[in-house]
Amino acid sequence: MTGQQYRIGELARAAGVTVRALHHYDSLGLLVPSERTHAGHRLYSEADVQRLYRLLALRGVGLPLDEIGPLLDREDGLAGTVRRHLDRVEQQLEALAVLRLRLTRLLAAFDGGEAATTQQFLDAMEAMTMSEKYYTPEQLQQLEQRGQEFGEEAIKAVEQEWADLFARMRELRDAGVDPGDPEPQALGRRADELVEMFTGGDPGIRASLQRMYEQEGPEKASSGMATREDFEYLNAIRAAAR
């Protein structure tokens, strides 16, 4: 094999690339054939073959052609460039993970699939954006995993329970019932149980939840289930329990 030369078609077949690709690499100066025949046909040496395989290996890990050129002529830069490319890939994977979570949460917000209205879409987008503002990506992943463990029906049941709980507290508040009375106290305990269920006992998630309610306001944070007055009554219930 020493001194063997390859025509462009032979090299293309052996390397599993197209002749057009070899022409392109030649035009970019990445793989210029060592010789040409009298008729102008490209002839590739064994050194050219080795260079091609290095080129293809670097392309295989996703490096762009403009970064591959210098590496083919400088061995010492290979590890650093591959390491930088790995960093970019990891950043892309993180971004894709966030996007996947966002799309999953958005899809889960629709009950009717294609029957979802524009307003439902906007409401879901608003809720999603607000959650991402206060919860870290790690916390959102925990909440997503917990939601999958509970299941869609259980989540709907909890949402309905929250709505019923606030509606009953509102009735008691309007009727002037003391927050320390038995029924408001029972509702307060159940509210705390539901919060614990949502946070999974994670203090970081609980702090993020509280910050969202404080900065966005109860009505927006609860998607319209509770007003500021409702939360003031709930806080009074909790204070009376101490």
Protein backbone atom coordinates (compact mmCIF):
# COMPACT_ATOMS: atom_id res chain seq x y z
CA MET A 1 0.00 0.00 0.00
CA THR A 2 3.06 2.31 0.38
CA GLY A 3 2.95 5.08 -2.17
CA GLN A 4 -0.51 4.09 -3.37
CA GLN A 5 -2.59 6.84 -4.91
CA TYR A 6 -6.34 7.10 -5.25
CA ARG A 7 -8.47 8.75 -7.85
CA ILE A 8 -11.35 10.80 -6.52
CA GLY A 9 -14.00 8.17 -7.31
CA GLU A 10 -11.97 5.44 -5.60
CA LEU A 11 -11.46 7.55 -2.49
CA ALA A 12 -15.11 8.55 -2.38
CA ARG A 13 -16.23 4.91 -2.46
CA ALA A 14 -13.65 3.82 0.12
CA ALA A 15 -14.47 6.64 2.52
CA GLY A 16 -18.23 6.50 2.04
CA VAL A 17 -18.54 10.10 0.89
CA THR A 18 -19.62 11.69 -2.36
CA VAL A 19 -17.33 13.01 -5.06
CA ARG A 20 -19.12 16.32 -4.63
CA ALA A 21 -18.08 16.41 -0.97
CA LEU A 22 -14.44 15.85 -1.90
CA HIS A 23 -14.68 18.68 -4.43
CA HIS A 24 -16.12 20.89 -1.68
CA TYR A 25 -13.33 20.01 0.76
CA ASP A 26 -10.82 20.79 -1.99
CA SER A 27 -12.40 24.18 -2.72
CA LEU A 28 -12.20 25.07 1.00
CA GLY A 29 -8.59 23.98 1.22
CA LEU A 30 -9.41 21.25 3.72
CA LEU A 31 -8.34 18.34 1.54
CA VAL A 32 -6.28 19.33 -1.46
CA PRO A 33 -5.03 16.31 -3.43
CA SER A 34 -1.28 15.91 -3.37
CA GLU A 35 -1.04 15.42 -7.12
CA ARG A 36 -2.93 15.62 -10.37
CA THR A 37 -2.61 13.65 -13.53
CA HIS A 38 -1.55 15.25 -16.82
CA ALA A 39 -5.25 15.43 -17.63
CA GLY A 40 -5.92 17.32 -14.39
CA HIS A 41 -7.57 14.49 -12.45
CA ARG A 42 -7.07 14.53 -8.69
CA LEU A 43 -4.77 11.96 -7.11
CA TYR A 44 -4.88 11.41 -3.37
CA SER A 45 -1.92 10.00 -1.42
CA GLU A 46 -2.03 7.89 1.72
CA ALA A 47 -1.37 11.07 3.72
CA ASP A 48 -4.42 12.61 2.05
CA VAL A 49 -6.48 9.58 3.01
CA GLN A 50 -5.41 9.91 6.63
CA ARG A 51 -6.29 13.61 6.55
CA LEU A 52 -9.72 12.80 5.12
CA TYR A 53 -10.47 10.34 7.87
CA ARG A 54 -9.45 12.88 10.49
CA LEU A 55 -11.71 15.40 8.78
CA LEU A 56 -14.63 12.98 8.77
CA ALA A 57 -14.05 12.07 12.41
CA LEU A 58 -14.23 15.73 13.40
CA ARG A 59 -17.34 16.22 11.28
CA GLY A 60 -18.81 13.19 13.01
CA VAL A 61 -18.72 14.95 16.39
CA GLY A 62 -20.45 17.98 14.89
CA LEU A 63 -17.59 20.42 14.48
CA PRO A 64 -18.16 23.05 11.77
CA LEU A 65 -15.85 23.05 8.78
CA ASP A 66 -14.36 26.44 9.62
CA GLU A 67 -13.04 25.00 12.91
CA ILE A 68 -11.86 21.74 11.39
CA GLY A 69 -9.34 23.31 9.02
CA PRO A 70 -6.87 24.53 11.67
CA LEU A 71 -7.15 21.23 13.57
CA LEU A 72 -6.07 19.21 10.57
CA ASP A 73 -2.76 21.03 10.60
CA ARG A 74 -2.30 21.33 14.35
CA GLU A 75 -2.62 18.27 16.56
CA ASP A 76 -2.25 20.14 19.84
CA GLY A 77 -5.46 22.09 19.27
CA LEU A 78 -7.70 19.06 18.86
CA ALA A 79 -8.47 18.33 22.52
CA GLY A 80 -9.29 21.95 23.36
CA THR A 81 -11.55 22.39 20.37
CA VAL A 82 -13.40 19.16 21.05
CA ARG A 83 -13.78 20.23 24.68
CA ARG A 84 -15.26 23.59 23.62
CA HIS A 85 -17.59 21.79 21.25
CA LEU A 86 -18.66 19.49 24.06
CA ASP A 87 -19.49 22.55 26.17
CA ARG A 88 -21.66 23.89 23.34
CA VAL A 89 -23.42 20.55 22.98
CA GLU A 90 -24.14 20.43 26.71
CA GLN A 91 -25.56 23.96 26.59
CA GLN A 92 -27.74 22.96 23.67
CA LEU A 93 -28.95 19.89 25.56
CA GLU A 94 -29.86 22.04 28.56
CA ALA A 95 -31.75 24.44 26.30
CA LEU A 96 -33.55 21.53 24.65
CA ALA A 97 -34.46 20.10 28.06
CA VAL A 98 -36.00 23.44 29.05
CA LEU A 99 -37.84 23.61 25.73
CA ARG A 100 -39.10 20.04 26.13
CA LEU A 101 -40.40 20.83 29.60
CA ARG A 102 -42.07 24.00 28.33
CA LEU A 103 -43.80 22.19 25.47
CA THR A 104 -44.87 19.33 27.75
CA ARG A 105 -46.37 21.74 30.25
CA LEU A 106 -48.08 23.73 27.52
CA LEU A 107 -49.57 20.61 25.97
CA ALA A 108 -50.74 19.38 29.39
CA ALA A 109 -52.59 22.67 29.88
CA PHE A 110 -55.00 21.82 27.07
CA ASP A 111 -57.85 19.44 27.73
CA GLY A 112 -59.30 19.41 24.25
CA GLY A 113 -56.21 19.11 22.07
CA GLU A 114 -57.04 20.87 18.82
CA ALA A 115 -60.26 22.15 20.40
CA ALA A 116 -58.27 24.43 22.71
CA THR A 117 -59.26 28.07 22.24
CA THR A 118 -56.91 30.97 21.64
CA GLN A 119 -57.70 32.26 25.12
CA GLN A 120 -56.75 28.90 26.63
CA PHE A 121 -53.49 29.06 24.73
CA LEU A 122 -52.77 32.58 25.98
CA ASP A 123 -53.71 31.66 29.55
CA ALA A 124 -51.43 28.65 29.42
CA MET A 125 -48.57 30.72 28.01
CA GLU A 126 -49.02 33.34 30.73
CA ALA A 127 -49.04 30.73 33.49
CA MET A 128 -46.01 29.00 32.00
CA THR A 129 -44.04 32.23 31.70
CA MET A 130 -44.90 33.19 35.26
CA SER A 131 -43.79 29.82 36.60
CA GLU A 132 -40.48 30.04 34.77
CA LYS A 133 -39.94 33.49 36.31
CA TYR A 134 -40.07 32.17 39.88
CA TYR A 135 -39.08 28.50 39.73
CA THR A 136 -35.63 27.29 38.75
CA PRO A 137 -35.35 24.76 35.89
CA GLU A 138 -34.54 22.10 38.50
CA GLN A 139 -37.65 23.00 40.51
CA LEU A 140 -39.81 22.91 37.39
CA GLN A 141 -38.47 19.45 36.60
CA GLN A 142 -39.34 18.31 40.13
CA LEU A 143 -42.84 19.72 39.79
CA GLU A 144 -43.24 18.10 36.38
CA GLN A 145 -42.14 14.74 37.76
CA ARG A 146 -44.51 15.06 40.72
CA GLY A 147 -47.32 15.92 38.36
CA GLN A 148 -46.63 12.80 36.32
CA GLU A 149 -46.66 10.72 39.50
CA PHE A 150 -50.03 12.13 40.57
CA GLY A 151 -51.62 11.87 37.14
CA GLU A 152 -53.91 14.23 35.26
CA GLU A 153 -57.11 13.24 37.04
CA ALA A 154 -55.61 13.74 40.50
CA ILE A 155 -54.27 17.14 39.50
CA LYS A 156 -57.70 18.20 38.25
CA ALA A 157 -59.24 17.00 41.48
CA VAL A 158 -56.78 19.04 43.55
CA GLU A 159 -57.42 22.14 41.42
CA GLN A 160 -61.14 21.72 41.98
CA GLU A 161 -60.57 21.24 45.70
CA TRP A 162 -58.62 24.50 45.83
CA ALA A 163 -61.47 26.29 44.05
CA ASP A 164 -64.05 24.81 46.44
CA LEU A 165 -61.87 25.58 49.45
CA PHE A 166 -61.49 29.25 48.56
CA ALA A 167 -65.18 29.53 47.71
CA ARG A 168 -66.13 28.18 51.15
CA MET A 169 -63.63 30.43 52.94
CA ARG A 170 -65.11 33.38 51.06
CA GLU A 171 -68.57 32.44 52.30
CA LEU A 172 -67.33 32.17 55.87
CA ARG A 173 -65.47 35.47 55.64
CA ASP A 174 -68.51 37.28 54.21
CA ALA A 175 -70.62 35.79 56.99
CA GLY A 176 -68.20 37.19 59.56
CA VAL A 177 -67.11 33.79 60.89
CA ASP A 178 -64.12 34.09 63.21
CA PRO A 179 -60.92 32.65 61.62
CA GLY A 180 -60.30 30.69 64.81
CA ASP A 181 -63.60 28.80 64.61
CA PRO A 182 -63.51 25.06 63.86
CA GLU A 183 -64.57 25.13 60.19
CA PRO A 184 -62.13 27.86 59.07
CA GLN A 185 -59.39 26.06 61.00
CA ALA A 186 -60.17 22.79 59.22
CA LEU A 187 -60.05 24.58 55.86
CA GLY A 188 -56.72 26.15 56.81
CA ARG A 189 -55.23 22.79 57.68
CA ARG A 190 -56.39 21.34 54.39
CA ALA A 191 -54.91 24.31 52.52
CA ASP A 192 -51.55 23.65 54.15
CA GLU A 193 -51.81 19.96 53.24
CA LEU A 194 -52.42 20.88 49.60
CA VAL A 195 -49.42 23.23 49.62
CA GLU A 196 -47.30 20.46 51.10
CA MET A 197 -48.57 18.10 48.41
CA PHE A 198 -47.58 20.59 45.70
CA THR A 199 -44.13 21.39 47.06
CA GLY A 200 -43.31 17.86 48.20
CA GLY A 201 -41.88 19.40 51.37
CA ASP A 202 -39.14 21.15 49.37
CA PRO A 203 -38.38 24.47 51.12
CA GLY A 204 -36.95 25.97 47.93
CA ILE A 205 -40.13 25.27 45.96
CA ARG A 206 -42.23 26.60 48.82
CA ALA A 207 -40.16 29.81 48.90
CA SER A 208 -40.55 30.20 45.13
CA LEU A 209 -44.30 29.68 45.44
CA GLN A 210 -44.58 32.28 48.18
CA ARG A 211 -42.48 34.78 46.23
CA MET A 212 -44.72 34.31 43.19
CA TYR A 213 -47.87 34.99 45.22
CA GLU A 214 -46.30 38.02 46.89
CA GLN A 215 -45.02 39.63 43.69
CA GLU A 216 -47.74 38.65 41.22
CA GLY A 217 -50.66 38.87 43.61
CA PRO A 218 -52.94 36.01 44.69
CA GLU A 219 -55.49 36.42 41.91
CA LYS A 220 -52.94 36.15 39.11
CA ALA A 221 -50.84 33.48 40.83
CA SER A 222 -53.87 31.32 41.52
CA SER A 223 -55.28 31.75 37.99
CA GLY A 224 -58.29 33.59 39.35
CA MET A 225 -59.25 31.10 42.06
CA ALA A 226 -58.51 33.45 44.96
CA THR A 227 -58.43 37.17 45.65
CA ARG A 228 -56.17 39.13 47.97
CA GLU A 229 -59.01 39.23 50.49
CA ASP A 230 -59.27 35.42 50.36
CA PHE A 231 -55.59 35.11 51.21
CA GLU A 232 -55.86 37.65 53.99
CA TYR A 233 -58.58 35.49 55.52
CA LEU A 234 -56.45 32.36 55.06
CA ASN A 235 -53.50 34.09 56.73
CA ALA A 236 -55.80 35.08 59.59
CA ILE A 237 -56.84 31.42 59.91
CA ARG A 238 -53.20 30.36 60.07
CA ALA A 239 -52.39 33.07 62.61
CA ALA A 240 -55.29 31.96 64.82
CA ALA A 241 -53.95 28.39 64.78
CA ARG A 242 -50.62 29.40 66.32
